Amino acid sequence: MRNAIYLILAFLILGCEKENGLTSQIELENLYEIKDEPSDPVKHRVYEIYDRYGVPVYFNDTIGKIFIKKDVTGKDVYRYEILDLAWGFTSYNRLTYTYEYMTDQEEQLKALGIIEDYLKLASKPLWPFNFFVTKSAKTIDTQDQENIYEKGNYTINYRTVLMTGDWTDSQIHTLPETMMKEMVKSKIMNYTDLLAAFNDVSDKVWYGSLWSEFDPHWYDYVDGTTWPKYYFSPSALYDDWYGCEMMEPEELAEFRAAVRAAIGQFGFVNGAKLTSVLSPSNTEEDLNGYISEILRHSKGEFEQLWGGCPLVMKKYEILCKIITDELGVEL
C-alpha cells in the first residue's frame, strides 16, 4: 500500500514538471508602442505624433517581433508581426500586398505633416488605429488581377489607413479634409438602419435623370435673368464655378438660392459626379454630396441655406444623428 502511495506521488511530481515544461515561453510586448529616437528626425516626429494622439505611423509593414524561444544552438527565435491589410471587420480579402517602401526622409516628413494635420482636423472617433505610408503599393487577387496605388492615393482599411506618396502641393493642402470626408463616409456605412432611412427619402425615379425632364418648370427659376439657361445647375454652388467671376456677389447669392430651391425640392444638394445637368446617379453619389456639404458648413449655415427644402433637412437630420451623436464630429 505504501509503495502504491509513493508511486502516485511520483506521477504527480512528474506531471507538474511536464506542465511547467509546457508553459509558453512567448513574451508578449506592446508591438504598437513607439519609442523615441531624438537623433532621428523622422522617428522623433513619429514619436511626437504617437505621444500626442496615440496613433502609430509606419513606413514598413514589419512593425515588431515577439520572442518565441531559444533554438538548439542557443539563438533567440522570434516571430515577426506584419501589418496585414487584407483583414476586414468580419472577413478576410484574399489579396496579396506588395510595397515599394518610402525611404526618402524629406518625403517621410511630408507624409507625417499630412497625417498630423488630419489628426488635428478629425475628431477622435475618426482616427484610425494606425497609418502605413509607402511610395507605392500593389494588390494581386486570386485571379491575378492587379491594383496599383501610387501618387497620393490612400485607402481606408479595417484598422489601417494606407497612404502612398509623391504628393503634389495641392494634395498636401487638401488631403487631410478629403481623407476626413472619406472616413466619415466609411463610418456612416456601418449604420445601416439610419442609412436606409436616408436612402428612402428621395424617390428612386429621381436619380440619374435630367433635372429639366422631371421638373417641367426647371428654368422658371431663372426667368428674367440675362444668363444662359445652361448656367442653371448645381455647378453654380461650387467656388470654382466659372460664373463666380462674372456675377456680382448679390446676384450670385440669388442665383445659388434658386438652384438650391430647384434641386432641394427632390432632397438633393448636388448633381451627378460626371455632369451636373443630371441628378445624382445613385444613393452613393447623393451621400457623398451630403457629406461634403455638411462638413463645409456649420449647422446654422446649413439650415440657413437649405432650411426651405423639407426633404433636404430630413436627410440632414438623419446624417447629423450619425455624425454628431455616433462619430463625435461637431457641426
C-alpha atoms as a PDB file:
ATOM      1  CA  MET A   1       0.000   0.000   0.000  1.00  0.00           C
ATOM      2  CA  ARG A   2       2.836   2.356   0.965  1.00  0.00           C
ATOM      3  CA  ASN A   3       4.553   1.592  -2.352  1.00  0.00           C
ATOM      4  CA  ALA A   4       1.377   2.494  -4.220  1.00  0.00           C
ATOM      5  CA  ILE A   5       1.192   5.872  -2.462  1.00  0.00           C
ATOM      6  CA  TYR A   6       4.822   6.591  -3.343  1.00  0.00           C
ATOM      7  CA  LEU A   7       4.109   5.670  -6.944  1.00  0.00           C
ATOM      8  CA  ILE A   8       1.137   8.066  -7.112  1.00  0.00           C
ATOM      9  CA  LEU A   9       3.221  10.877  -5.604  1.00  0.00           C
ATOM     10  CA  ALA A  10       5.941  10.252  -8.177  1.00  0.00           C
ATOM     11  CA  PHE A  11       3.419  10.522 -11.022  1.00  0.00           C
ATOM     12  CA  LEU A  12       2.080  13.782  -9.565  1.00  0.00           C
ATOM     13  CA  ILE A  13       5.566  15.283  -9.330  1.00  0.00           C
ATOM     14  CA  LEU A  14       6.394  14.233 -12.891  1.00  0.00           C
ATOM     15  CA  GLY A  15       3.077  15.666 -14.086  1.00  0.00           C
ATOM     16  CA  CYS A  16       3.825  19.026 -12.505  1.00  0.00           C
ATOM     17  CA  GLU A  17       7.284  19.071 -14.077  1.00  0.00           C
ATOM     18  CA  LYS A  18       5.788  18.290 -17.501  1.00  0.00           C
ATOM     19  CA  GLU A  19       3.192  21.036 -17.020  1.00  0.00           C
ATOM     20  CA  ASN A  20       5.945  23.503 -16.181  1.00  0.00           C
ATOM     21  CA  GLY A  21       7.819  22.380 -19.256  1.00  0.00           C
ATOM     22  CA  LEU A  22       4.795  23.118 -21.466  1.00  0.00           C
ATOM     23  CA  THR A  23       4.389  26.679 -20.195  1.00  0.00           C
ATOM     24  CA  SER A  24       4.561  29.146 -23.108  1.00  0.00           C
ATOM     25  CA  GLN A  25       7.846  30.985 -23.365  1.00  0.00           C
ATOM     26  CA  ILE A  26       6.389  33.692 -25.652  1.00  0.00           C
ATOM     27  CA  GLU A  27       6.909  37.131 -24.163  1.00  0.00           C
ATOM     28  CA  LEU A  28       4.145  39.395 -25.395  1.00  0.00           C
ATOM     29  CA  GLU A  29       5.088  43.046 -25.864  1.00  0.00           C
ATOM     30  CA  ASN A  30       3.199  46.155 -26.870  1.00  0.00           C
ATOM     31  CA  LEU A  31       4.076  45.864 -30.551  1.00  0.00           C
ATOM     32  CA  TYR A  32       2.394  49.126 -31.460  1.00  0.00           C
ATOM     33  CA  GLU A  33       4.201  51.239 -28.890  1.00  0.00           C
ATOM     34  CA  ILE A  34       6.510  53.829 -30.462  1.00  0.00           C
ATOM     35  CA  LYS A  35       9.847  54.591 -28.780  1.00  0.00           C
ATOM     36  CA  ASP A  36      11.529  57.968 -29.164  1.00  0.00           C
ATOM     37  CA  GLU A  37      14.796  58.340 -31.079  1.00  0.00           C
ATOM     38  CA  PRO A  38      15.683  62.056 -30.751  1.00  0.00           C
ATOM     39  CA  SER A  39      18.691  61.773 -33.081  1.00  0.00           C
ATOM     40  CA  ASP A  40      16.484  60.655 -35.994  1.00  0.00           C
ATOM     41  CA  PRO A  41      14.145  63.480 -37.175  1.00  0.00           C
ATOM     42  CA  VAL A  42      11.629  61.079 -38.766  1.00  0.00           C
ATOM     43  CA  LYS A  43      11.448  58.651 -35.842  1.00  0.00           C
ATOM     44  CA  HIS A  44      11.284  61.556 -33.395  1.00  0.00           C
ATOM     45  CA  ARG A  45       8.368  63.093 -35.332  1.00  0.00           C
ATOM     46  CA  VAL A  46       6.622  59.696 -35.411  1.00  0.00           C
ATOM     47  CA  TYR A  47       7.058  59.500 -31.643  1.00  0.00           C
ATOM     48  CA  GLU A  48       5.660  63.017 -31.141  1.00  0.00           C
ATOM     49  CA  ILE A  49       2.530  62.094 -33.113  1.00  0.00           C
ATOM     50  CA  TYR A  50       2.154  58.838 -31.164  1.00  0.00           C
ATOM     51  CA  ASP A  51       2.727  60.602 -27.833  1.00  0.00           C
ATOM     52  CA  ARG A  52       0.107  63.276 -28.628  1.00  0.00           C
ATOM     53  CA  TYR A  53      -2.561  61.209 -30.400  1.00  0.00           C
ATOM     54  CA  GLY A  54      -1.790  57.567 -29.577  1.00  0.00           C
ATOM     55  CA  VAL A  55      -1.753  56.686 -33.299  1.00  0.00           C
ATOM     56  CA  PRO A  56       1.331  54.866 -34.664  1.00  0.00           C
ATOM     57  CA  VAL A  57       2.738  55.680 -38.115  1.00  0.00           C
ATOM     58  CA  TYR A  58       4.775  53.064 -40.009  1.00  0.00           C
ATOM     59  CA  PHE A  59       6.939  53.206 -43.112  1.00  0.00           C
ATOM     60  CA  ASN A  60       7.400  49.414 -43.135  1.00  0.00           C
ATOM     61  CA  ASP A  61       4.809  46.666 -42.772  1.00  0.00           C
ATOM     62  CA  THR A  62       7.029  44.732 -40.325  1.00  0.00           C
ATOM     63  CA  ILE A  63       6.148  46.507 -37.108  1.00  0.00           C
ATOM     64  CA  GLY A  64       7.791  44.370 -34.431  1.00  0.00           C
ATOM     65  CA  LYS A  65       8.864  40.958 -33.241  1.00  0.00           C
ATOM     66  CA  ILE A  66       7.873  38.543 -30.462  1.00  0.00           C
ATOM     67  CA  PHE A  67      10.394  36.307 -28.707  1.00  0.00           C
ATOM     68  CA  ILE A  68       9.375  32.651 -29.065  1.00  0.00           C
ATOM     69  CA  LYS A  69      12.215  30.545 -27.635  1.00  0.00           C
ATOM     70  CA  LYS A  70      15.872  29.698 -27.937  1.00  0.00           C
ATOM     71  CA  ASP A  71      16.796  27.116 -30.553  1.00  0.00           C
ATOM     72  CA  VAL A  72      19.105  24.130 -30.006  1.00  0.00           C
ATOM     73  CA  THR A  73      22.166  26.337 -30.573  1.00  0.00           C
ATOM     74  CA  GLY A  74      21.018  28.889 -28.015  1.00  0.00           C
ATOM     75  CA  LYS A  75      19.974  31.541 -30.543  1.00  0.00           C
ATOM     76  CA  ASP A  76      16.807  33.566 -29.971  1.00  0.00           C
ATOM     77  CA  VAL A  77      13.842  32.699 -32.205  1.00  0.00           C
ATOM     78  CA  TYR A  78      11.347  35.478 -32.999  1.00  0.00           C
ATOM     79  CA  ARG A  79       8.007  35.745 -34.741  1.00  0.00           C
ATOM     80  CA  TYR A  80       7.722  38.939 -36.767  1.00  0.00           C
ATOM     81  CA  GLU A  81       4.467  40.894 -36.638  1.00  0.00           C
ATOM     82  CA  ILE A  82       3.388  42.245 -40.044  1.00  0.00           C
ATOM     83  CA  LEU A  83       0.549  44.595 -40.986  1.00  0.00           C
ATOM     84  CA  ASP A  84      -1.989  42.563 -42.972  1.00  0.00           C
ATOM     85  CA  LEU A  85      -4.340  44.920 -44.782  1.00  0.00           C
ATOM     86  CA  ALA A  86      -6.458  42.064 -46.132  1.00  0.00           C
ATOM     87  CA  TRP A  87      -8.325  41.715 -42.840  1.00  0.00           C
ATOM     88  CA  GLY A  88     -11.776  43.271 -42.587  1.00  0.00           C
ATOM     89  CA  PHE A  89     -14.164  43.618 -39.662  1.00  0.00           C
ATOM     90  CA  THR A  90     -15.871  40.282 -40.358  1.00  0.00           C
ATOM     91  CA  SER A  91     -13.941  38.869 -43.314  1.00  0.00           C
ATOM     92  CA  TYR A  92     -10.579  38.329 -44.961  1.00  0.00           C
ATOM     93  CA  ASN A  93      -9.933  39.545 -48.509  1.00  0.00           C
ATOM     94  CA  ARG A  94      -7.728  37.119 -50.366  1.00  0.00           C
ATOM     95  CA  LEU A  95      -5.303  39.746 -51.586  1.00  0.00           C
ATOM     96  CA  THR A  96      -1.523  39.720 -51.704  1.00  0.00           C
ATOM     97  CA  TYR A  97       0.039  43.093 -50.925  1.00  0.00           C
ATOM     98  CA  THR A  98       3.477  44.203 -52.115  1.00  0.00           C
ATOM     99  CA  TYR A  99       5.046  47.575 -51.371  1.00  0.00           C
ATOM    100  CA  GLU A 100       7.691  49.968 -52.581  1.00  0.00           C
ATOM    101  CA  TYR A 101       8.788  51.428 -49.275  1.00  0.00           C
ATOM    102  CA  MET A 102       9.237  55.157 -48.763  1.00  0.00           C
ATOM    103  CA  THR A 103      12.830  55.767 -47.684  1.00  0.00           C
ATOM    104  CA  ASP A 104      13.403  59.421 -48.581  1.00  0.00           C
ATOM    105  CA  GLN A 105      13.470  61.389 -45.334  1.00  0.00           C
ATOM    106  CA  GLU A 106      12.008  64.540 -46.863  1.00  0.00           C
ATOM    107  CA  GLU A 107       9.035  62.596 -48.251  1.00  0.00           C
ATOM    108  CA  GLN A 108       8.552  60.838 -44.914  1.00  0.00           C
ATOM    109  CA  LEU A 109       8.415  64.171 -43.080  1.00  0.00           C
ATOM    110  CA  LYS A 110       5.954  65.459 -45.678  1.00  0.00           C
ATOM    111  CA  ALA A 111       3.738  62.426 -45.001  1.00  0.00           C
ATOM    112  CA  LEU A 112       3.916  62.992 -41.250  1.00  0.00           C
ATOM    113  CA  GLY A 113       2.817  66.598 -41.777  1.00  0.00           C
ATOM    114  CA  ILE A 114      -0.265  65.431 -43.693  1.00  0.00           C
ATOM    115  CA  ILE A 115      -1.072  62.847 -41.019  1.00  0.00           C
ATOM    116  CA  GLU A 116      -0.740  65.329 -38.155  1.00  0.00           C
ATOM    117  CA  ASP A 117      -2.957  67.825 -39.992  1.00  0.00           C
ATOM    118  CA  TYR A 118      -5.550  65.051 -40.371  1.00  0.00           C
ATOM    119  CA  LEU A 119      -5.435  64.143 -36.672  1.00  0.00           C
ATOM    120  CA  LYS A 120      -5.807  67.818 -35.708  1.00  0.00           C
ATOM    121  CA  LEU A 121      -8.799  68.203 -38.035  1.00  0.00           C
ATOM    122  CA  ALA A 122     -10.697  64.959 -37.339  1.00  0.00           C
ATOM    123  CA  SER A 123     -12.417  64.019 -34.086  1.00  0.00           C
ATOM    124  CA  LYS A 124     -11.066  61.034 -32.167  1.00  0.00           C
ATOM    125  CA  PRO A 125     -13.699  58.523 -33.422  1.00  0.00           C
ATOM    126  CA  LEU A 126     -12.347  59.209 -36.946  1.00  0.00           C
ATOM    127  CA  TRP A 127      -8.742  58.374 -36.065  1.00  0.00           C
ATOM    128  CA  PRO A 128      -7.545  55.032 -37.497  1.00  0.00           C
ATOM    129  CA  PHE A 129      -5.671  52.516 -35.360  1.00  0.00           C
ATOM    130  CA  ASN A 130      -2.535  53.271 -37.378  1.00  0.00           C
ATOM    131  CA  PHE A 131      -1.161  54.786 -40.592  1.00  0.00           C
ATOM    132  CA  PHE A 132       1.086  52.924 -43.034  1.00  0.00           C
ATOM    133  CA  VAL A 133       2.917  55.066 -45.601  1.00  0.00           C
ATOM    134  CA  THR A 134       4.646  53.711 -48.725  1.00  0.00           C
ATOM    135  CA  LYS A 135       5.895  55.129 -52.002  1.00  0.00           C
ATOM    136  CA  SER A 136       3.534  52.783 -53.867  1.00  0.00           C
ATOM    137  CA  ALA A 137       1.585  49.596 -53.228  1.00  0.00           C
ATOM    138  CA  LYS A 138       0.108  46.797 -55.279  1.00  0.00           C
ATOM    139  CA  THR A 139      -2.506  44.138 -54.613  1.00  0.00           C
ATOM    140  CA  ILE A 140      -2.986  40.881 -56.522  1.00  0.00           C
ATOM    141  CA  ASP A 141      -6.184  38.869 -56.075  1.00  0.00           C
ATOM    142  CA  THR A 142      -6.792  35.163 -56.561  1.00  0.00           C
ATOM    143  CA  GLN A 143      -7.451  35.764 -60.296  1.00  0.00           C
ATOM    144  CA  ASP A 144      -4.069  37.523 -60.660  1.00  0.00           C
ATOM    145  CA  GLN A 145      -5.765  40.879 -61.169  1.00  0.00           C
ATOM    146  CA  GLU A 146      -3.505  43.772 -60.123  1.00  0.00           C
ATOM    147  CA  ASN A 147      -4.476  47.040 -58.492  1.00  0.00           C
ATOM    148  CA  ILE A 148      -1.745  49.672 -58.099  1.00  0.00           C
ATOM    149  CA  TYR A 149      -1.819  52.523 -55.581  1.00  0.00           C
ATOM    150  CA  GLU A 150       0.552  55.419 -56.211  1.00  0.00           C
ATOM    151  CA  LYS A 151       0.879  59.203 -56.453  1.00  0.00           C
ATOM    152  CA  GLY A 152      -1.051  60.430 -53.455  1.00  0.00           C
ATOM    153  CA  ASN A 153      -3.627  57.651 -53.164  1.00  0.00           C
ATOM    154  CA  TYR A 154      -4.964  56.376 -49.872  1.00  0.00           C
ATOM    155  CA  THR A 155      -7.214  53.528 -48.778  1.00  0.00           C
ATOM    156  CA  ILE A 156      -9.121  53.184 -45.520  1.00  0.00           C
ATOM    157  CA  ASN A 157      -8.793  49.612 -44.300  1.00  0.00           C
ATOM    158  CA  TYR A 158     -10.191  47.892 -41.209  1.00  0.00           C
ATOM    159  CA  ARG A 159      -7.513  49.218 -38.806  1.00  0.00           C
ATOM    160  CA  THR A 160      -5.026  50.926 -41.083  1.00  0.00           C
ATOM    161  CA  VAL A 161      -5.045  53.898 -43.434  1.00  0.00           C
ATOM    162  CA  LEU A 162      -2.618  53.088 -46.264  1.00  0.00           C
ATOM    163  CA  MET A 163      -1.126  56.203 -47.887  1.00  0.00           C
ATOM    164  CA  THR A 164       1.113  56.291 -50.970  1.00  0.00           C
ATOM    165  CA  GLY A 165       3.462  59.182 -51.631  1.00  0.00           C
ATOM    166  CA  ASP A 166       4.534  61.662 -54.311  1.00  0.00           C
ATOM    167  CA  TRP A 167       2.011  64.247 -53.168  1.00  0.00           C
ATOM    168  CA  THR A 168       1.557  67.475 -55.083  1.00  0.00           C
ATOM    169  CA  ASP A 169       1.424  70.773 -53.190  1.00  0.00           C
ATOM    170  CA  SER A 170      -2.316  70.877 -53.826  1.00  0.00           C
ATOM    171  CA  GLN A 171      -2.788  67.379 -52.367  1.00  0.00           C
ATOM    172  CA  ILE A 172      -0.773  68.240 -49.277  1.00  0.00           C
ATOM    173  CA  HIS A 173      -3.188  71.104 -48.633  1.00  0.00           C
ATOM    174  CA  THR A 174      -6.459  69.290 -49.385  1.00  0.00           C
ATOM    175  CA  LEU A 175      -5.725  65.667 -48.422  1.00  0.00           C
ATOM    176  CA  PRO A 176      -6.473  65.907 -44.669  1.00  0.00           C
ATOM    177  CA  GLU A 177     -10.005  67.241 -45.316  1.00  0.00           C
ATOM    178  CA  THR A 178     -10.571  64.812 -48.200  1.00  0.00           C
ATOM    179  CA  MET A 179      -9.496  61.887 -46.030  1.00  0.00           C
ATOM    180  CA  MET A 180     -11.749  63.045 -43.197  1.00  0.00           C
ATOM    181  CA  LYS A 181     -14.773  63.133 -45.516  1.00  0.00           C
ATOM    182  CA  GLU A 182     -13.943  59.649 -46.761  1.00  0.00           C
ATOM    183  CA  MET A 183     -13.503  58.437 -43.176  1.00  0.00           C
ATOM    184  CA  VAL A 184     -16.889  59.906 -42.213  1.00  0.00           C
ATOM    185  CA  LYS A 185     -18.421  58.105 -45.177  1.00  0.00           C
ATOM    186  CA  SER A 186     -16.760  54.792 -44.274  1.00  0.00           C
ATOM    187  CA  LYS A 187     -18.031  55.094 -40.691  1.00  0.00           C
ATOM    188  CA  ILE A 188     -21.534  56.104 -41.789  1.00  0.00           C
ATOM    189  CA  MET A 189     -21.748  52.940 -43.900  1.00  0.00           C
ATOM    190  CA  ASN A 190     -21.771  50.924 -40.644  1.00  0.00           C
ATOM    191  CA  TYR A 191     -25.105  52.441 -39.565  1.00  0.00           C
ATOM    192  CA  THR A 192     -27.243  50.503 -42.000  1.00  0.00           C
ATOM    193  CA  ASP A 193     -30.658  51.281 -40.486  1.00  0.00           C
ATOM    194  CA  LEU A 194     -30.152  55.047 -40.467  1.00  0.00           C
ATOM    195  CA  LEU A 195     -28.526  54.920 -43.898  1.00  0.00           C
ATOM    196  CA  ALA A 196     -31.536  53.027 -45.275  1.00  0.00           C
ATOM    197  CA  ALA A 197     -33.773  55.786 -43.916  1.00  0.00           C
ATOM    198  CA  PHE A 198     -31.594  58.376 -45.689  1.00  0.00           C
ATOM    199  CA  ASN A 199     -31.809  56.453 -48.985  1.00  0.00           C
ATOM    200  CA  ASP A 200     -35.599  56.213 -48.770  1.00  0.00           C
ATOM    201  CA  VAL A 201     -36.242  59.978 -48.604  1.00  0.00           C
ATOM    202  CA  SER A 202     -35.789  60.747 -52.326  1.00  0.00           C
ATOM    203  CA  ASP A 203     -37.867  58.812 -54.832  1.00  0.00           C
ATOM    204  CA  LYS A 204     -35.768  56.288 -56.752  1.00  0.00           C
ATOM    205  CA  VAL A 205     -37.011  57.644 -60.101  1.00  0.00           C
ATOM    206  CA  TRP A 206     -35.326  60.962 -59.332  1.00  0.00           C
ATOM    207  CA  TYR A 207     -31.832  59.500 -59.548  1.00  0.00           C
ATOM    208  CA  GLY A 208     -29.765  59.826 -62.728  1.00  0.00           C
ATOM    209  CA  SER A 209     -32.204  61.985 -64.705  1.00  0.00           C
ATOM    210  CA  LEU A 210     -32.024  65.357 -66.436  1.00  0.00           C
ATOM    211  CA  TRP A 211     -33.286  67.962 -63.981  1.00  0.00           C
ATOM    212  CA  SER A 212     -35.416  69.565 -66.678  1.00  0.00           C
ATOM    213  CA  GLU A 213     -37.091  66.230 -67.515  1.00  0.00           C
ATOM    214  CA  PHE A 214     -38.703  65.587 -64.147  1.00  0.00           C
ATOM    215  CA  ASP A 215     -39.294  69.251 -63.380  1.00  0.00           C
ATOM    216  CA  PRO A 216     -41.105  70.962 -66.286  1.00  0.00           C
ATOM    217  CA  HIS A 217     -40.655  74.322 -64.532  1.00  0.00           C
ATOM    218  CA  TRP A 218     -36.902  73.900 -64.110  1.00  0.00           C
ATOM    219  CA  TYR A 219     -35.902  77.038 -65.979  1.00  0.00           C
ATOM    220  CA  ASP A 220     -38.699  79.155 -64.477  1.00  0.00           C
ATOM    221  CA  TYR A 221     -36.322  79.728 -61.565  1.00  0.00           C
ATOM    222  CA  VAL A 222     -34.118  81.939 -63.737  1.00  0.00           C
ATOM    223  CA  ASP A 223     -36.758  83.755 -65.753  1.00  0.00           C
ATOM    224  CA  GLY A 224     -35.826  87.387 -66.083  1.00  0.00           C
ATOM    225  CA  THR A 225     -32.070  86.885 -65.870  1.00  0.00           C
ATOM    226  CA  THR A 226     -29.711  87.568 -68.758  1.00  0.00           C
ATOM    227  CA  TRP A 227     -27.622  84.457 -68.145  1.00  0.00           C
ATOM    228  CA  PRO A 228     -27.826  81.398 -70.438  1.00  0.00           C
ATOM    229  CA  LYS A 229     -30.173  78.678 -69.231  1.00  0.00           C
ATOM    230  CA  TYR A 230     -27.377  76.103 -69.138  1.00  0.00           C
ATOM    231  CA  TYR A 231     -25.803  78.107 -66.297  1.00  0.00           C
ATOM    232  CA  PHE A 232     -28.632  76.906 -64.078  1.00  0.00           C
ATOM    233  CA  SER A 233     -27.261  73.736 -62.489  1.00  0.00           C
ATOM    234  CA  PRO A 234     -25.731  72.562 -59.180  1.00  0.00           C
ATOM    235  CA  SER A 235     -22.293  73.555 -60.536  1.00  0.00           C
ATOM    236  CA  ALA A 236     -23.188  77.113 -59.503  1.00  0.00           C
ATOM    237  CA  LEU A 237     -22.929  76.053 -55.850  1.00  0.00           C
ATOM    238  CA  TYR A 238     -19.179  75.409 -56.013  1.00  0.00           C
ATOM    239  CA  ASP A 239     -16.496  78.036 -55.528  1.00  0.00           C
ATOM    240  CA  ASP A 240     -14.635  77.018 -58.712  1.00  0.00           C
ATOM    241  CA  TRP A 241     -17.735  77.534 -60.919  1.00  0.00           C
ATOM    242  CA  TYR A 242     -16.897  79.717 -63.935  1.00  0.00           C
ATOM    243  CA  GLY A 243     -19.870  82.013 -63.285  1.00  0.00           C
ATOM    244  CA  CYS A 244     -18.491  83.159 -59.924  1.00  0.00           C
ATOM    245  CA  GLU A 245     -16.210  85.679 -61.617  1.00  0.00           C
ATOM    246  CA  MET A 246     -18.969  87.004 -63.887  1.00  0.00           C
ATOM    247  CA  MET A 247     -21.705  87.727 -61.347  1.00  0.00           C
ATOM    248  CA  GLU A 248     -21.847  90.378 -58.683  1.00  0.00           C
ATOM    249  CA  PRO A 249     -21.936  88.877 -55.151  1.00  0.00           C
ATOM    250  CA  GLU A 250     -25.602  89.693 -54.565  1.00  0.00           C
ATOM    251  CA  GLU A 251     -26.659  88.317 -57.939  1.00  0.00           C
ATOM    252  CA  LEU A 252     -24.592  85.151 -57.369  1.00  0.00           C
ATOM    253  CA  ALA A 253     -26.237  84.621 -53.988  1.00  0.00           C
ATOM    254  CA  GLU A 254     -29.714  84.923 -55.528  1.00  0.00           C
ATOM    255  CA  PHE A 255     -28.778  82.607 -58.373  1.00  0.00           C
ATOM    256  CA  ARG A 256     -27.485  79.981 -55.952  1.00  0.00           C
ATOM    257  CA  ALA A 257     -30.580  80.289 -53.778  1.00  0.00           C
ATOM    258  CA  ALA A 258     -32.680  79.486 -56.862  1.00  0.00           C
ATOM    259  CA  VAL A 259     -30.501  76.429 -57.614  1.00  0.00           C
ATOM    260  CA  ARG A 260     -30.880  75.179 -54.025  1.00  0.00           C
ATOM    261  CA  ALA A 261     -34.655  75.556 -54.201  1.00  0.00           C
ATOM    262  CA  ALA A 262     -34.753  73.686 -57.512  1.00  0.00           C
ATOM    263  CA  ILE A 263     -32.653  70.648 -56.510  1.00  0.00           C
ATOM    264  CA  GLY A 264     -33.645  70.749 -52.849  1.00  0.00           C
ATOM    265  CA  GLN A 265     -37.291  70.028 -53.638  1.00  0.00           C
ATOM    266  CA  PHE A 266     -36.152  66.492 -54.526  1.00  0.00           C
ATOM    267  CA  GLY A 267     -33.914  66.132 -51.471  1.00  0.00           C
ATOM    268  CA  PHE A 268     -30.607  66.660 -53.328  1.00  0.00           C
ATOM    269  CA  VAL A 269     -27.731  69.024 -52.569  1.00  0.00           C
ATOM    270  CA  ASN A 270     -25.571  68.128 -55.575  1.00  0.00           C
ATOM    271  CA  GLY A 271     -25.709  66.846 -59.130  1.00  0.00           C
ATOM    272  CA  ALA A 272     -24.179  63.788 -60.776  1.00  0.00           C
ATOM    273  CA  LYS A 273     -20.435  63.278 -60.475  1.00  0.00           C
ATOM    274  CA  LEU A 274     -19.687  63.492 -64.206  1.00  0.00           C
ATOM    275  CA  THR A 275     -22.183  66.152 -65.262  1.00  0.00           C
ATOM    276  CA  SER A 276     -24.351  68.352 -63.079  1.00  0.00           C
ATOM    277  CA  VAL A 277     -27.113  68.586 -65.695  1.00  0.00           C
ATOM    278  CA  LEU A 278     -28.150  65.231 -64.230  1.00  0.00           C
ATOM    279  CA  SER A 279     -29.318  64.468 -60.717  1.00  0.00           C
ATOM    280  CA  PRO A 280     -27.077  62.172 -58.605  1.00  0.00           C
ATOM    281  CA  SER A 281     -26.700  58.806 -60.328  1.00  0.00           C
ATOM    282  CA  ASN A 282     -27.301  56.766 -57.168  1.00  0.00           C
ATOM    283  CA  THR A 283     -27.547  56.956 -53.392  1.00  0.00           C
ATOM    284  CA  GLU A 284     -23.759  56.796 -53.010  1.00  0.00           C
ATOM    285  CA  GLU A 285     -23.270  59.984 -55.070  1.00  0.00           C
ATOM    286  CA  ASP A 286     -26.099  61.536 -53.095  1.00  0.00           C
ATOM    287  CA  LEU A 287     -24.425  60.608 -49.791  1.00  0.00           C
ATOM    288  CA  ASN A 288     -21.035  61.939 -50.957  1.00  0.00           C
ATOM    289  CA  GLY A 289     -22.658  65.263 -51.804  1.00  0.00           C
ATOM    290  CA  TYR A 290     -24.265  65.499 -48.380  1.00  0.00           C
ATOM    291  CA  ILE A 291     -21.047  64.682 -46.532  1.00  0.00           C
ATOM    292  CA  SER A 292     -19.191  67.423 -48.431  1.00  0.00           C
ATOM    293  CA  GLU A 293     -21.971  69.956 -47.874  1.00  0.00           C
ATOM    294  CA  ILE A 294     -22.439  69.106 -44.192  1.00  0.00           C
ATOM    295  CA  LEU A 295     -18.726  69.316 -43.377  1.00  0.00           C
ATOM    296  CA  ARG A 296     -18.391  72.558 -45.340  1.00  0.00           C
ATOM    297  CA  HIS A 297     -20.941  74.476 -43.244  1.00  0.00           C
ATOM    298  CA  SER A 298     -21.872  74.891 -39.619  1.00  0.00           C
ATOM    299  CA  LYS A 299     -25.323  73.670 -38.591  1.00  0.00           C
ATOM    300  CA  GLY A 300     -26.649  77.236 -38.598  1.00  0.00           C
ATOM    301  CA  GLU A 301     -25.232  77.918 -42.072  1.00  0.00           C
ATOM    302  CA  PHE A 302     -26.673  74.690 -43.458  1.00  0.00           C
ATOM    303  CA  GLU A 303     -30.128  75.477 -42.085  1.00  0.00           C
ATOM    304  CA  GLN A 304     -29.952  78.993 -43.491  1.00  0.00           C
ATOM    305  CA  LEU A 305     -29.033  77.712 -46.956  1.00  0.00           C
ATOM    306  CA  TRP A 306     -31.280  74.650 -47.142  1.00  0.00           C
ATOM    307  CA  GLY A 307     -33.944  75.230 -44.463  1.00  0.00           C
ATOM    308  CA  GLY A 308     -36.633  75.880 -47.072  1.00  0.00           C
ATOM    309  CA  CYS A 309     -36.250  72.349 -48.505  1.00  0.00           C
ATOM    310  CA  PRO A 310     -38.019  69.826 -46.219  1.00  0.00           C
ATOM    311  CA  LEU A 311     -36.581  66.712 -47.893  1.00  0.00           C
ATOM    312  CA  VAL A 312     -33.028  68.047 -47.624  1.00  0.00           C
ATOM    313  CA  MET A 313     -33.491  68.825 -43.942  1.00  0.00           C
ATOM    314  CA  LYS A 314     -34.941  65.369 -43.340  1.00  0.00           C
ATOM    315  CA  LYS A 315     -31.822  63.755 -44.830  1.00  0.00           C
ATOM    316  CA  TYR A 316     -29.625  66.210 -42.968  1.00  0.00           C
ATOM    317  CA  GLU A 317     -31.099  65.287 -39.584  1.00  0.00           C
ATOM    318  CA  ILE A 318     -30.594  61.578 -40.289  1.00  0.00           C
ATOM    319  CA  LEU A 319     -26.911  62.078 -41.115  1.00  0.00           C
ATOM    320  CA  CYS A 320     -26.411  64.523 -38.226  1.00  0.00           C
ATOM    321  CA  LYS A 321     -27.572  61.837 -35.824  1.00  0.00           C
ATOM    322  CA  ILE A 322     -24.719  59.638 -37.037  1.00  0.00           C
ATOM    323  CA  ILE A 323     -22.065  62.304 -37.468  1.00  0.00           C
ATOM    324  CA  THR A 324     -22.587  64.166 -34.200  1.00  0.00           C
ATOM    325  CA  ASP A 325     -24.042  61.528 -31.860  1.00  0.00           C
ATOM    326  CA  GLU A 326     -22.067  58.496 -33.006  1.00  0.00           C
ATOM    327  CA  LEU A 327     -18.860  59.887 -34.575  1.00  0.00           C
ATOM    328  CA  GLY A 328     -18.429  62.901 -32.316  1.00  0.00           C
ATOM    329  CA  VAL A 329     -17.895  65.380 -35.156  1.00  0.00           C
ATOM    330  CA  GLU A 330     -19.049  68.855 -34.203  1.00  0.00           C
ATOM    331  CA  LEU A 331     -21.076  70.630 -36.894  1.00  0.00           C
END
